[in-house]
């Protein structure tokens, strides 16, 4: 009787442990996986292990430093429309080919987006900080950047106004290209940047 009871208790403990493990994976996209703790959520809704050591973040981050030219985009107009961007801004975003200048000094990142020599957007941040962005089309959103262990730079934008939408941007480097996957409300867009400096 004692052995059967002990085996039953062990079975419950094991089931609880497996449920806790699957809970952390199944809840990807909620606050549990959004940059809190050792996991972060990617655009494809998989939890990635977070790069937690500052030296490792700095090392991985150096791959992003430089000047990047947008060369291609896929489904980006649909992404912007799903995000609720006004039609004039969507039209401009489809036609313009911005450059992004990325710097990282001692963990202080800066993304400066330039169109025809004019700065249109600047992100100035430290990883895992919480900041407010005022978009070109007049929306205010919280944003935070974090980094996965394999060097993916993930940006979360969360709405302040209930009529806006949350969105996620996942950037990674492959060769001399920076890929940015954008997601909001299940709509995914892709932008490809070429390193030019």
N, C-alpha and C. Protein backbone atom coordinates (compact mmCIF):
# COMPACT_ATOMS: atom_id res chain seq x y z
N UNK A 1 0.82 -1.19 0.00
CA UNK A 1 0.00 0.00 0.00
C UNK A 1 0.87 1.26 0.00
N UNK A 2 1.91 1.28 0.86
CA UNK A 2 2.80 2.43 0.92
C UNK A 2 3.54 2.62 -0.41
N UNK A 3 3.96 1.50 -1.04
CA UNK A 3 4.67 1.58 -2.31
C UNK A 3 3.76 2.15 -3.39
N UNK A 4 2.51 1.67 -3.44
CA UNK A 4 1.55 2.16 -4.45
C UNK A 4 1.28 3.64 -4.24
N UNK A 5 1.13 4.05 -2.97
CA UNK A 5 0.88 5.45 -2.66
C UNK A 5 2.08 6.31 -3.06
N UNK A 6 3.29 5.81 -2.78
CA UNK A 6 4.51 6.54 -3.14
C UNK A 6 4.63 6.68 -4.65
N UNK A 7 4.33 5.60 -5.39
CA UNK A 7 4.37 5.67 -6.85
C UNK A 7 3.34 6.65 -7.39
N UNK A 8 2.17 6.70 -6.78
CA UNK A 8 1.13 7.64 -7.21
C UNK A 8 1.59 9.08 -6.98
N UNK A 9 2.21 9.34 -5.83
CA UNK A 9 2.72 10.68 -5.53
C UNK A 9 3.82 11.06 -6.51
N UNK A 10 4.72 10.13 -6.81
CA UNK A 10 5.79 10.40 -7.77
C UNK A 10 5.20 10.71 -9.14
N UNK A 11 4.16 9.95 -9.53
CA UNK A 11 3.50 10.20 -10.82
C UNK A 11 2.90 11.59 -10.88
N UNK A 12 2.27 12.04 -9.80
CA UNK A 12 1.69 13.39 -9.75
C UNK A 12 2.78 14.45 -9.86
N UNK A 13 3.89 14.24 -9.15
CA UNK A 13 5.01 15.19 -9.19
C UNK A 13 5.56 15.29 -10.61
N UNK A 14 5.74 14.13 -11.28
CA UNK A 14 6.26 14.13 -12.65
C UNK A 14 5.29 14.83 -13.60
N UNK A 15 3.98 14.55 -13.47
CA UNK A 15 2.98 15.20 -14.33
C UNK A 15 3.00 16.70 -14.12
N UNK A 16 3.12 17.13 -12.87
CA UNK A 16 3.16 18.56 -12.56
C UNK A 16 4.39 19.21 -13.18
N UNK A 17 5.52 18.52 -13.10
CA UNK A 17 6.76 19.06 -13.68
C UNK A 17 6.63 19.21 -15.19
N UNK A 18 6.08 18.17 -15.87
CA UNK A 18 5.90 18.25 -17.32
C UNK A 18 4.88 19.32 -17.68
N UNK A 19 3.84 19.47 -16.88
CA UNK A 19 2.85 20.53 -17.15
C UNK A 19 3.50 21.90 -17.04
N UNK A 20 4.38 22.07 -16.06
CA UNK A 20 5.06 23.37 -15.89
C UNK A 20 5.97 23.65 -17.07
N UNK A 21 6.65 22.60 -17.57
CA UNK A 21 7.53 22.79 -18.72
C UNK A 21 6.71 23.15 -19.95
N UNK A 22 5.62 22.43 -20.20
CA UNK A 22 4.83 22.72 -21.39
C UNK A 22 4.13 24.07 -21.25
N UNK A 23 3.81 24.47 -20.03
CA UNK A 23 3.17 25.77 -19.81
C UNK A 23 4.08 26.90 -20.27
N UNK A 24 5.39 26.80 -19.98
CA UNK A 24 6.29 27.88 -20.37
C UNK A 24 6.43 27.95 -21.89
N UNK A 25 6.28 26.82 -22.59
CA UNK A 25 6.35 26.84 -24.04
C UNK A 25 5.01 27.23 -24.65
N UNK A 26 3.90 26.65 -24.12
CA UNK A 26 2.58 26.92 -24.66
C UNK A 26 2.16 28.37 -24.50
N UNK A 27 2.67 29.05 -23.48
CA UNK A 27 2.25 30.42 -23.23
C UNK A 27 3.13 31.44 -23.95
N UNK A 28 3.87 31.00 -24.95
CA UNK A 28 4.70 31.93 -25.70
C UNK A 28 3.81 33.01 -26.29
N UNK A 29 4.23 34.25 -26.16
CA UNK A 29 3.43 35.36 -26.63
C UNK A 29 2.74 36.09 -25.50
N UNK A 30 2.68 35.48 -24.32
CA UNK A 30 2.12 36.17 -23.17
C UNK A 30 3.28 36.82 -22.42
N UNK A 31 2.96 37.54 -21.36
CA UNK A 31 4.01 38.23 -20.62
C UNK A 31 5.03 37.27 -20.04
N UNK A 32 4.67 36.01 -19.86
CA UNK A 32 5.63 35.06 -19.29
C UNK A 32 6.84 34.88 -20.19
N UNK A 33 6.64 34.93 -21.51
CA UNK A 33 7.74 34.70 -22.43
C UNK A 33 8.24 36.00 -23.05
N UNK A 34 7.60 37.11 -22.83
CA UNK A 34 7.96 38.38 -23.47
C UNK A 34 9.08 39.08 -22.73
N UNK A 35 10.28 38.54 -22.82
CA UNK A 35 11.43 39.24 -22.29
C UNK A 35 11.61 39.12 -20.78
N UNK A 36 10.78 38.29 -20.13
CA UNK A 36 10.90 38.12 -18.69
C UNK A 36 11.47 36.73 -18.42
N UNK A 37 12.46 36.65 -17.58
CA UNK A 37 13.05 35.37 -17.27
C UNK A 37 14.02 34.95 -18.36
N UNK A 38 14.33 33.65 -18.41
CA UNK A 38 15.36 33.20 -19.34
C UNK A 38 14.87 32.98 -20.77
N UNK A 39 13.57 33.16 -21.06
CA UNK A 39 13.05 32.92 -22.39
C UNK A 39 12.40 34.16 -22.97
N UNK A 40 12.47 34.28 -24.29
CA UNK A 40 11.78 35.34 -25.01
C UNK A 40 11.01 34.70 -26.16
N UNK A 41 9.96 35.37 -26.60
CA UNK A 41 9.09 34.82 -27.62
C UNK A 41 9.47 35.38 -28.98
N UNK A 42 9.61 34.51 -29.98
CA UNK A 42 9.94 34.95 -31.34
C UNK A 42 8.66 35.22 -32.11
N UNK A 43 8.81 35.77 -33.31
CA UNK A 43 7.66 36.04 -34.17
C UNK A 43 6.92 34.75 -34.50
N UNK A 44 7.64 33.64 -34.62
CA UNK A 44 7.00 32.37 -34.95
C UNK A 44 6.40 31.69 -33.72
N UNK A 45 6.28 32.44 -32.61
CA UNK A 45 5.68 31.94 -31.37
C UNK A 45 6.43 30.76 -30.76
N UNK A 46 7.75 30.79 -30.86
CA UNK A 46 8.55 29.81 -30.15
C UNK A 46 9.38 30.55 -29.11
N UNK A 47 9.55 29.93 -27.97
CA UNK A 47 10.36 30.54 -26.93
C UNK A 47 11.84 30.31 -27.24
N UNK A 48 12.61 31.39 -27.23
CA UNK A 48 14.05 31.31 -27.45
C UNK A 48 14.76 31.60 -26.15
N UNK A 49 15.90 30.95 -25.95
CA UNK A 49 16.68 31.22 -24.75
C UNK A 49 17.29 32.61 -24.85
N UNK A 50 17.19 33.35 -23.78
CA UNK A 50 17.63 34.74 -23.75
C UNK A 50 19.14 34.83 -23.51
N UNK A 51 19.78 35.79 -24.17
CA UNK A 51 21.20 36.08 -23.91
C UNK A 51 21.26 36.95 -22.66
N UNK A 52 21.67 36.36 -21.56
CA UNK A 52 21.59 37.06 -20.28
C UNK A 52 22.89 37.72 -19.84
N UNK A 53 24.00 37.38 -20.46
CA UNK A 53 25.27 37.93 -20.02
C UNK A 53 25.62 39.17 -20.85
N UNK A 54 25.87 40.32 -20.21
CA UNK A 54 26.14 41.55 -20.96
C UNK A 54 27.28 41.43 -21.97
N UNK A 55 28.34 40.71 -21.65
CA UNK A 55 29.45 40.56 -22.60
C UNK A 55 29.00 39.82 -23.85
N UNK A 56 28.17 38.80 -23.66
CA UNK A 56 27.65 38.03 -24.80
C UNK A 56 26.70 38.90 -25.63
N UNK A 57 25.86 39.69 -24.96
CA UNK A 57 24.97 40.60 -25.69
C UNK A 57 25.78 41.59 -26.52
N UNK A 58 26.85 42.12 -25.94
CA UNK A 58 27.69 43.09 -26.64
C UNK A 58 28.36 42.43 -27.86
N UNK A 59 28.87 41.22 -27.66
CA UNK A 59 29.52 40.49 -28.76
C UNK A 59 28.54 40.22 -29.90
N UNK A 60 27.35 39.70 -29.56
CA UNK A 60 26.35 39.41 -30.59
C UNK A 60 25.85 40.70 -31.24
N UNK A 61 25.73 41.75 -30.45
CA UNK A 61 25.20 43.01 -30.94
C UNK A 61 26.08 43.70 -31.96
N UNK A 62 27.39 43.44 -31.94
CA UNK A 62 28.29 44.11 -32.88
C UNK A 62 27.99 43.74 -34.33
N UNK A 63 27.34 42.61 -34.56
CA UNK A 63 26.98 42.23 -35.94
C UNK A 63 25.96 43.19 -36.55
N UNK A 64 25.20 43.88 -35.71
CA UNK A 64 24.16 44.79 -36.20
C UNK A 64 24.70 46.19 -36.50
N UNK A 65 25.85 46.51 -35.93
CA UNK A 65 26.39 47.87 -36.05
C UNK A 65 26.76 48.16 -37.50
N UNK A 66 26.30 49.33 -37.98
CA UNK A 66 26.62 49.74 -39.35
C UNK A 66 25.44 50.44 -40.00
N UNK A 67 25.57 50.65 -41.30
CA UNK A 67 24.52 51.29 -42.10
C UNK A 67 23.89 50.23 -42.99
N UNK A 68 22.57 50.18 -42.99
CA UNK A 68 21.80 49.16 -43.69
C UNK A 68 20.81 49.82 -44.65
N UNK A 69 20.73 49.31 -45.87
CA UNK A 69 19.83 49.82 -46.90
C UNK A 69 18.71 48.81 -47.14
N UNK A 70 17.46 49.25 -47.08
CA UNK A 70 16.35 48.36 -47.41
C UNK A 70 16.42 48.00 -48.88
N UNK A 71 16.42 46.70 -49.19
CA UNK A 71 16.50 46.27 -50.59
C UNK A 71 15.27 45.48 -51.03
N UNK A 72 14.51 44.94 -50.06
CA UNK A 72 13.36 44.13 -50.44
C UNK A 72 12.39 44.06 -49.27
N UNK A 73 11.10 43.98 -49.59
CA UNK A 73 10.09 43.74 -48.56
C UNK A 73 8.98 42.88 -49.12
N UNK A 74 8.44 42.03 -48.25
CA UNK A 74 7.38 41.11 -48.62
C UNK A 74 6.24 41.26 -47.62
N UNK A 75 5.04 41.47 -48.14
CA UNK A 75 3.83 41.54 -47.33
C UNK A 75 3.87 42.66 -46.29
N UNK A 76 4.75 43.65 -46.50
CA UNK A 76 4.92 44.72 -45.52
C UNK A 76 3.73 45.68 -45.50
N UNK A 77 3.16 45.94 -46.67
CA UNK A 77 1.97 46.81 -46.74
C UNK A 77 0.83 46.18 -45.93
N UNK A 78 0.62 44.88 -46.09
CA UNK A 78 -0.44 44.19 -45.36
C UNK A 78 -0.18 44.24 -43.85
N UNK A 79 1.09 44.10 -43.47
CA UNK A 79 1.45 44.21 -42.06
C UNK A 79 1.09 45.60 -41.51
N UNK A 80 1.48 46.65 -42.24
CA UNK A 80 1.19 48.02 -41.78
C UNK A 80 -0.32 48.27 -41.70
N UNK A 81 -1.06 47.77 -42.68
CA UNK A 81 -2.52 47.93 -42.64
C UNK A 81 -3.11 47.22 -41.43
N UNK A 82 -2.64 46.01 -41.14
CA UNK A 82 -3.11 45.26 -39.97
C UNK A 82 -2.74 45.96 -38.67
N UNK A 83 -1.61 46.67 -38.69
CA UNK A 83 -1.17 47.39 -37.49
C UNK A 83 -1.98 48.66 -37.27
N UNK A 84 -2.74 49.09 -38.29
CA UNK A 84 -3.58 50.28 -38.15
C UNK A 84 -2.90 51.57 -38.56
N UNK A 85 -1.82 51.46 -39.34
CA UNK A 85 -1.11 52.64 -39.83
C UNK A 85 -2.00 53.35 -40.86
N UNK A 86 -2.00 54.68 -40.84
CA UNK A 86 -2.88 55.41 -41.76
C UNK A 86 -2.45 55.18 -43.21
N UNK A 87 -3.41 55.27 -44.16
CA UNK A 87 -3.14 54.91 -45.56
C UNK A 87 -2.02 55.71 -46.23
N UNK A 88 -1.86 56.99 -45.90
CA UNK A 88 -0.79 57.79 -46.51
C UNK A 88 0.57 57.27 -46.06
N UNK A 89 0.71 56.97 -44.77
CA UNK A 89 1.98 56.42 -44.27
C UNK A 89 2.26 55.04 -44.87
N UNK A 90 1.22 54.24 -45.08
CA UNK A 90 1.40 52.92 -45.70
C UNK A 90 1.92 53.09 -47.12
N UNK A 91 1.35 54.02 -47.88
CA UNK A 91 1.78 54.28 -49.25
C UNK A 91 3.24 54.73 -49.29
N UNK A 92 3.60 55.64 -48.39
CA UNK A 92 4.99 56.11 -48.34
C UNK A 92 5.95 54.98 -47.97
N UNK A 93 5.56 54.17 -46.99
CA UNK A 93 6.43 53.07 -46.55
C UNK A 93 6.65 52.06 -47.67
N UNK A 94 5.66 51.91 -48.54
CA UNK A 94 5.79 50.97 -49.65
C UNK A 94 6.73 51.52 -50.73
N UNK A 95 6.77 52.84 -50.89
CA UNK A 95 7.54 53.46 -51.97
C UNK A 95 8.99 53.79 -51.57
N UNK A 96 9.20 54.16 -50.31
CA UNK A 96 10.52 54.62 -49.89
C UNK A 96 11.44 53.46 -49.53
N UNK A 97 12.73 53.66 -49.68
CA UNK A 97 13.74 52.67 -49.33
C UNK A 97 14.70 53.29 -48.30
N UNK A 98 14.32 53.21 -47.03
CA UNK A 98 15.13 53.88 -46.00
C UNK A 98 16.45 53.17 -45.73
N UNK A 99 17.33 53.90 -45.07
CA UNK A 99 18.55 53.35 -44.52
C UNK A 99 18.42 53.40 -43.00
N UNK A 100 18.99 52.40 -42.35
CA UNK A 100 19.01 52.37 -40.88
C UNK A 100 20.47 52.37 -40.45
N UNK A 101 20.81 53.29 -39.56
CA UNK A 101 22.15 53.34 -38.98
C UNK A 101 22.03 52.81 -37.56
N UNK A 102 22.79 51.76 -37.25
CA UNK A 102 22.74 51.13 -35.93
C UNK A 102 24.08 51.30 -35.25
N UNK A 103 24.04 51.83 -34.02
CA UNK A 103 25.23 51.94 -33.19
C UNK A 103 24.98 51.24 -31.86
N UNK A 104 26.05 50.85 -31.20
CA UNK A 104 25.96 50.21 -29.90
C UNK A 104 27.24 50.55 -29.14
N UNK A 105 27.13 51.47 -28.19
CA UNK A 105 28.26 51.89 -27.37
C UNK A 105 28.02 51.47 -25.93
N UNK A 106 28.74 50.45 -25.49
CA UNK A 106 28.62 50.00 -24.10
C UNK A 106 27.22 49.56 -23.72
N UNK A 107 26.49 49.00 -24.67
CA UNK A 107 25.13 48.54 -24.40
C UNK A 107 24.06 49.57 -24.68
N UNK A 108 24.45 50.79 -25.02
CA UNK A 108 23.48 51.83 -25.39
C UNK A 108 23.29 51.77 -26.91
N UNK A 109 22.17 51.21 -27.32
CA UNK A 109 21.85 51.03 -28.73
C UNK A 109 21.18 52.27 -29.28
N UNK A 110 21.39 52.50 -30.57
CA UNK A 110 20.65 53.54 -31.27
C UNK A 110 20.36 53.06 -32.68
N UNK A 111 19.07 53.10 -33.06
CA UNK A 111 18.63 52.81 -34.43
C UNK A 111 18.14 54.14 -34.99
N UNK A 112 18.74 54.62 -36.05
CA UNK A 112 18.30 55.85 -36.69
C UNK A 112 17.86 55.51 -38.11
N UNK A 113 16.60 55.76 -38.42
CA UNK A 113 16.07 55.50 -39.76
C UNK A 113 16.11 56.80 -40.54
N UNK A 114 16.73 56.73 -41.73
CA UNK A 114 16.87 57.91 -42.58
C UNK A 114 16.22 57.65 -43.94
N UNK A 115 15.49 58.65 -44.41
CA UNK A 115 14.91 58.60 -45.75
C UNK A 115 15.37 59.87 -46.46
N UNK A 116 16.10 59.69 -47.55
CA UNK A 116 16.64 60.81 -48.33
C UNK A 116 17.35 61.82 -47.42
N UNK A 117 18.20 61.30 -46.53
CA UNK A 117 18.99 62.17 -45.67
C UNK A 117 18.27 62.78 -44.49
N UNK A 118 16.97 62.47 -44.33
CA UNK A 118 16.18 63.02 -43.22
C UNK A 118 15.88 61.92 -42.21
N UNK A 119 16.12 62.18 -40.93
CA UNK A 119 15.82 61.20 -39.89
C UNK A 119 14.31 61.16 -39.67
N UNK A 120 13.74 59.94 -39.79
CA UNK A 120 12.30 59.79 -39.61
C UNK A 120 11.94 59.06 -38.32
N UNK A 121 12.88 58.29 -37.77
CA UNK A 121 12.59 57.52 -36.57
C UNK A 121 13.89 57.21 -35.86
N UNK A 122 13.91 57.35 -34.54
CA UNK A 122 15.09 57.00 -33.76
C UNK A 122 14.67 56.17 -32.56
N UNK A 123 15.34 55.04 -32.37
CA UNK A 123 15.21 54.26 -31.14
C UNK A 123 16.52 54.41 -30.40
N UNK A 124 16.46 54.81 -29.15
CA UNK A 124 17.63 54.97 -28.29
C UNK A 124 17.33 54.15 -27.04
N UNK A 125 18.06 53.05 -26.80
CA UNK A 125 17.63 52.12 -25.77
C UNK A 125 18.76 51.26 -25.23
N UNK A 126 18.50 50.65 -24.10
CA UNK A 126 19.30 49.56 -23.54
C UNK A 126 18.43 48.31 -23.61
N UNK A 127 19.03 47.15 -23.82
CA UNK A 127 18.26 45.92 -23.87
C UNK A 127 17.45 45.75 -22.59
N UNK A 128 16.23 45.28 -22.74
CA UNK A 128 15.30 44.96 -21.65
C UNK A 128 14.76 46.18 -20.92
N UNK A 129 15.00 47.38 -21.45
CA UNK A 129 14.39 48.58 -20.89
C UNK A 129 13.00 48.78 -21.48
N UNK A 130 12.20 49.62 -20.86
CA UNK A 130 10.85 49.92 -21.34
C UNK A 130 10.81 51.38 -21.73
N UNK A 131 10.42 51.65 -22.98
CA UNK A 131 10.45 53.01 -23.51
C UNK A 131 9.13 53.33 -24.21
N UNK A 132 8.93 54.60 -24.53
CA UNK A 132 7.73 55.02 -25.26
C UNK A 132 8.15 55.58 -26.61
N UNK A 133 7.46 55.11 -27.65
CA UNK A 133 7.70 55.56 -29.02
C UNK A 133 6.50 56.38 -29.48
N UNK A 134 6.77 57.51 -30.10
CA UNK A 134 5.73 58.29 -30.77
C UNK A 134 5.95 58.10 -32.27
N UNK A 135 5.04 57.38 -32.91
CA UNK A 135 5.22 57.02 -34.31
C UNK A 135 4.99 58.22 -35.22
N UNK A 136 5.47 58.09 -36.46
CA UNK A 136 5.32 59.15 -37.45
C UNK A 136 3.85 59.46 -37.71
N UNK A 137 3.00 58.43 -37.62
CA UNK A 137 1.57 58.65 -37.89
C UNK A 137 0.76 58.97 -36.62
N UNK A 138 1.46 59.33 -35.52
CA UNK A 138 0.76 59.88 -34.36
C UNK A 138 0.35 58.91 -33.27
N UNK A 139 0.80 57.67 -33.32
CA UNK A 139 0.46 56.71 -32.26
C UNK A 139 1.56 56.72 -31.20
N UNK A 140 1.18 56.40 -29.95
CA UNK A 140 2.15 56.23 -28.86
C UNK A 140 2.12 54.78 -28.43
N UNK A 141 3.30 54.18 -28.34
CA UNK A 141 3.42 52.76 -28.00
C UNK A 141 4.59 52.55 -27.06
N UNK A 142 4.46 51.55 -26.18
CA UNK A 142 5.61 51.10 -25.39
C UNK A 142 6.47 50.22 -26.30
N UNK A 143 7.78 50.29 -26.14
CA UNK A 143 8.64 49.35 -26.86
C UNK A 143 9.77 48.89 -25.96
N UNK A 144 10.24 47.68 -26.25
CA UNK A 144 11.38 47.09 -25.54
C UNK A 144 12.10 46.18 -26.51
N UNK A 145 13.43 46.14 -26.40
CA UNK A 145 14.26 45.24 -27.19
C UNK A 145 14.89 44.24 -26.25
N UNK A 146 15.04 43.02 -26.71
CA UNK A 146 15.77 42.00 -25.98
C UNK A 146 16.53 41.15 -26.99
N UNK A 147 17.43 40.31 -26.51
CA UNK A 147 18.25 39.51 -27.43
C UNK A 147 18.23 38.05 -27.02
N UNK A 148 18.08 37.18 -28.03
CA UNK A 148 18.13 35.74 -27.77
C UNK A 148 19.58 35.28 -27.72
N UNK A 149 19.76 34.08 -27.23
CA UNK A 149 21.11 33.54 -27.08
C UNK A 149 21.81 33.39 -28.43
N UNK A 150 21.02 33.18 -29.51
CA UNK A 150 21.63 33.03 -30.83
C UNK A 150 21.75 34.37 -31.57
N UNK A 151 21.50 35.48 -30.87
CA UNK A 151 21.75 36.80 -31.44
C UNK A 151 20.58 37.45 -32.15
N UNK A 152 19.39 36.89 -32.03
CA UNK A 152 18.22 37.53 -32.63
C UNK A 152 17.82 38.72 -31.75
N UNK A 153 17.61 39.84 -32.38
CA UNK A 153 17.22 41.06 -31.68
C UNK A 153 15.71 41.19 -31.82
N UNK A 154 15.01 41.05 -30.71
CA UNK A 154 13.54 41.03 -30.75
C UNK A 154 13.01 42.28 -30.08
N UNK A 155 12.12 42.95 -30.81
CA UNK A 155 11.50 44.19 -30.35
C UNK A 155 10.01 43.95 -30.16
N UNK A 156 9.51 44.31 -28.99
CA UNK A 156 8.08 44.24 -28.71
C UNK A 156 7.54 45.65 -28.65
N UNK A 157 6.46 45.91 -29.37
CA UNK A 157 5.75 47.18 -29.25
C UNK A 157 4.37 46.86 -28.70
N UNK A 158 4.03 47.46 -27.58
CA UNK A 158 2.73 47.20 -26.97
C UNK A 158 1.91 48.48 -26.93
N UNK A 159 0.64 48.31 -27.16
CA UNK A 159 -0.26 49.45 -27.30
C UNK A 159 -0.49 50.15 -25.96
N UNK A 160 -0.70 51.44 -26.06
CA UNK A 160 -1.14 52.26 -24.93
C UNK A 160 -2.63 52.53 -25.12
N UNK A 161 -3.00 52.94 -26.33
CA UNK A 161 -4.39 53.16 -26.71
C UNK A 161 -5.02 51.80 -27.03
N UNK A 162 -6.17 51.48 -26.45
CA UNK A 162 -6.78 50.16 -26.71
C UNK A 162 -7.14 49.93 -28.18
N UNK A 163 -7.21 50.99 -28.98
CA UNK A 163 -7.53 50.83 -30.40
C UNK A 163 -6.31 50.46 -31.24
N UNK A 164 -5.10 50.58 -30.68
CA UNK A 164 -3.89 50.20 -31.40
C UNK A 164 -3.66 48.70 -31.27
N UNK A 165 -2.60 48.22 -31.89
CA UNK A 165 -2.26 46.79 -31.85
C UNK A 165 -0.85 46.58 -31.35
N UNK A 166 -0.65 45.45 -30.68
CA UNK A 166 0.70 45.03 -30.29
C UNK A 166 1.39 44.46 -31.53
N UNK A 167 2.71 44.58 -31.58
CA UNK A 167 3.46 44.00 -32.69
C UNK A 167 4.83 43.54 -32.21
N UNK A 168 5.40 42.63 -32.97
CA UNK A 168 6.72 42.08 -32.65
C UNK A 168 7.59 42.15 -33.89
N UNK A 169 8.85 42.52 -33.70
CA UNK A 169 9.83 42.59 -34.78
C UNK A 169 11.02 41.72 -34.39
N UNK A 170 11.37 40.79 -35.25
CA UNK A 170 12.50 39.90 -34.98
C UNK A 170 13.56 40.15 -36.04
N UNK A 171 14.73 40.60 -35.61
CA UNK A 171 15.83 40.89 -36.53
C UNK A 171 16.94 39.88 -36.32
N UNK A 172 17.55 39.48 -37.44
CA UNK A 172 18.72 38.60 -37.35
C UNK A 172 19.61 38.85 -38.56
N UNK A 173 20.86 38.49 -38.40
CA UNK A 173 21.88 38.72 -39.43
C UNK A 173 22.18 37.40 -40.13
N UNK A 174 22.23 37.46 -41.45
CA UNK A 174 22.68 36.32 -42.23
C UNK A 174 23.59 36.86 -43.34
N UNK A 175 24.88 36.58 -43.21
CA UNK A 175 25.86 37.13 -44.14
C UNK A 175 25.92 38.65 -44.02
N UNK A 176 25.72 39.35 -45.15
CA UNK A 176 25.72 40.82 -45.12
C UNK A 176 24.30 41.38 -45.20
N UNK A 177 23.33 40.57 -44.77
CA UNK A 177 21.92 40.98 -44.78
C UNK A 177 21.37 40.98 -43.35
N UNK A 178 20.49 41.95 -43.09
CA UNK A 178 19.72 41.96 -41.84
C UNK A 178 18.27 41.70 -42.23
N UNK A 179 17.71 40.64 -41.67
CA UNK A 179 16.33 40.27 -41.94
C UNK A 179 15.47 40.77 -40.78
N UNK A 180 14.35 41.39 -41.10
CA UNK A 180 13.41 41.85 -40.07
C UNK A 180 12.05 41.24 -40.37
N UNK A 181 11.58 40.38 -39.48
CA UNK A 181 10.26 39.76 -39.60
C UNK A 181 9.33 40.54 -38.66
N UNK A 182 8.21 41.04 -39.20
CA UNK A 182 7.28 41.88 -38.45
C UNK A 182 5.96 41.12 -38.30
N UNK A 183 5.35 41.16 -37.12
CA UNK A 183 4.09 40.45 -36.90
C UNK A 183 3.14 41.29 -36.06
N UNK A 184 1.88 41.33 -36.49
CA UNK A 184 0.81 41.91 -35.69
C UNK A 184 -0.49 41.21 -36.04
N UNK A 185 -1.22 40.77 -35.05
CA UNK A 185 -2.51 40.14 -35.27
C UNK A 185 -2.48 38.97 -36.25
N UNK A 186 -1.37 38.23 -36.29
CA UNK A 186 -1.25 37.09 -37.18
C UNK A 186 -0.79 37.44 -38.59
N UNK A 187 -0.64 38.72 -38.91
CA UNK A 187 -0.16 39.15 -40.22
C UNK A 187 1.36 39.34 -40.13
N UNK A 188 2.09 38.71 -41.05
CA UNK A 188 3.56 38.74 -41.00
C UNK A 188 4.11 39.41 -42.25
N UNK A 189 5.01 40.35 -42.04
CA UNK A 189 5.73 41.01 -43.13
C UNK A 189 7.22 40.75 -42.97
N UNK A 190 7.96 41.00 -44.03
CA UNK A 190 9.41 40.75 -44.00
C UNK A 190 10.11 41.89 -44.72
N UNK A 191 11.20 42.36 -44.13
CA UNK A 191 12.04 43.37 -44.76
C UNK A 191 13.48 42.86 -44.76
N UNK A 192 14.18 43.11 -45.86
CA UNK A 192 15.57 42.66 -45.99
C UNK A 192 16.43 43.88 -46.25
N UNK A 193 17.47 44.03 -45.43
CA UNK A 193 18.40 45.16 -45.51
C UNK A 193 19.78 44.62 -45.89
N UNK A 194 20.46 45.38 -46.74
CA UNK A 194 21.84 45.07 -47.16
C UNK A 194 22.79 45.98 -46.40
N UNK A 195 23.87 45.41 -45.86
CA UNK A 195 24.86 46.24 -45.16
C UNK A 195 25.65 47.03 -46.19
N UNK A 196 25.70 48.37 -46.02
CA UNK A 196 26.42 49.21 -46.97
C UNK A 196 27.52 50.02 -46.30
N UNK A 197 27.70 49.86 -45.02
CA UNK A 197 28.74 50.60 -44.33
C UNK A 197 28.84 50.29 -42.87
